[in-house]
């Protein structure tokens, strides 16, 4: 069985593309594999380097396959002929990490450097090769000869006035040893030498691990640190609670960004200290800590139970209590893996964030329905929500969430949500498993003209009724749509949603049997389409897939086809046609 999957990592441009094929030994498949390799070689011989590179990249699987070295070799050759030397060197480094004794890859990498007259880099590669390759190796003499050539080229007389940057000459370990011995004041000045120096120094945290602000002439003026520290990252630092609270008292007045992680402080203590000492803080990231002990006496258990139903919230007594608390100036709040977090804790925090724009709840213990109910009453400026349920926590069963209301109804308790200052820009609710039509309908209301990202992956109870508001209008700004494992959405529902989103770029419909050639036809009309995931969609045909690839081959950069049952010829056509690494 041959399974192909084409994917792009979760990073921003440049959109690097990684392709892998899971090949299981089945009789008759080995010949098909060789046929595709021979086809790629013919493309290379005929000078069709773009298509050859795409095909060899698509064929490359895990490093244990015996043909991996041939596939990488032709990738490097294609990249050299296309002028992508940096990418070719990256492939060589990958192979050398796998097999440091492979002399061929030292020679190929040195040739790339020698062709650009970078003798020093070529000499470094060849010199390191001589340290690991034995003299009995059949390529040892050639490597030694090339090392001498690079040495003489490196020691040629240089034109007068030519500058030499030690960043290019010295290895990273030598540079680290040099800069680690420089005093803090001089190290800070070194960041002003050039962009290369600044990039190296600021990206090396080990150089800034031990900082001494003491001077023989006296201590540093507190105003120096007090007036310039805008970002404090304590997410990976172990310190006592007293030290952290004292530090915030000293520098909190100028902080704009704060990260904290650890069990030495509870979430309640962090939030209260922020409200007290950080009036200008706009970004707060807290992870892996506990909430405050005990519960709030002014919140009864019945109120917490009512929050599990759409449109419910706390009493007026709760709002009177929150009004006595000092508000935050936070615009971005990230809470990850907060142990013991309840709806009441979350409500008190969010009701004190009137300026919140971006909210992330990762590995959250609170169900999505109470979260939406809370947001109905607070955070009127909120534009982006990322919610990820803690998968180890028991969730309220769907049968308890008014399953009789299949058609969404607008609750009077949700009127504040409808009076938001502006619509949502991002709604990402991943793997909640209990997201219902009513809850999503409430969130989508009046957001058709602003929504850019809609990700409801792993919501099996969603149906077409959740997108009722889309039927009468378009989603002109929607660029990313993820409906993976939303089994209740029909083919017609997918068609309506895609046709209403002309600027889609990323679409994930994996695992949906409702994806047919009709849906692929709608996708082919999206002129900006770049990434498509239709893996495990068994209802599509070869004709529908080819039509999508042919219509969007100028924009597509990745397509997931794992588990679609497509024949080898169609998979080879997809690999050869779709761009790889913008090539």
Foldseek 3Di string as FASTA:
>chain_A
DKFWFKDFDPDDPPGFIAIAIDDDDDPPVVVVLVVLLVVLVVCVVVVVLQLSLLLLRNYAHDPVDPCNVVSLVSNLVSCVVVVNLVVSLVSLVVVCVVPVQPVVSLVSNLVSCVVVLVLLVNLVSLVVNQVPHDPPDPCNVVSVVSNVVSVVSVPDDDDPPDDDDVVSRDDPVVVCVVLLPDAPVVLVVQLVPDVVSVVVSVVDCVSVPDHDQADPVGGDDLCVQQVPDAEDEADPPDDAPVVVLVVLQSRQCRYAEYEHEDANDAPVVVVQSNLVRHQNHAYYAYEHYEHDPDDDPQFDPVQLVVLLEALGHTDVSLVVVLVVDRAHQYQEYHYEHHPPDGLSNVLSNQQRHQNHAEYEYYQHQYAPSSVLLSVLPGNLNHAEYAAYHNPVHDDDDLVVHPPVCQQADDDPSNVSLLVRPAAHQYDAHEQSQNDGLNSLLSNCPRRQARYAYDHYANHQHYELNSCPVLQVAANARHAAEAPHNNARYALVSLLSNLLRYLQYAHYEHAPYCRDELSSLVSVLNNQQHAEYEHALNQHYDLVSVVSSCVSHLVRYATYTHGNNPYDPVSSSVSSSRHGRSND
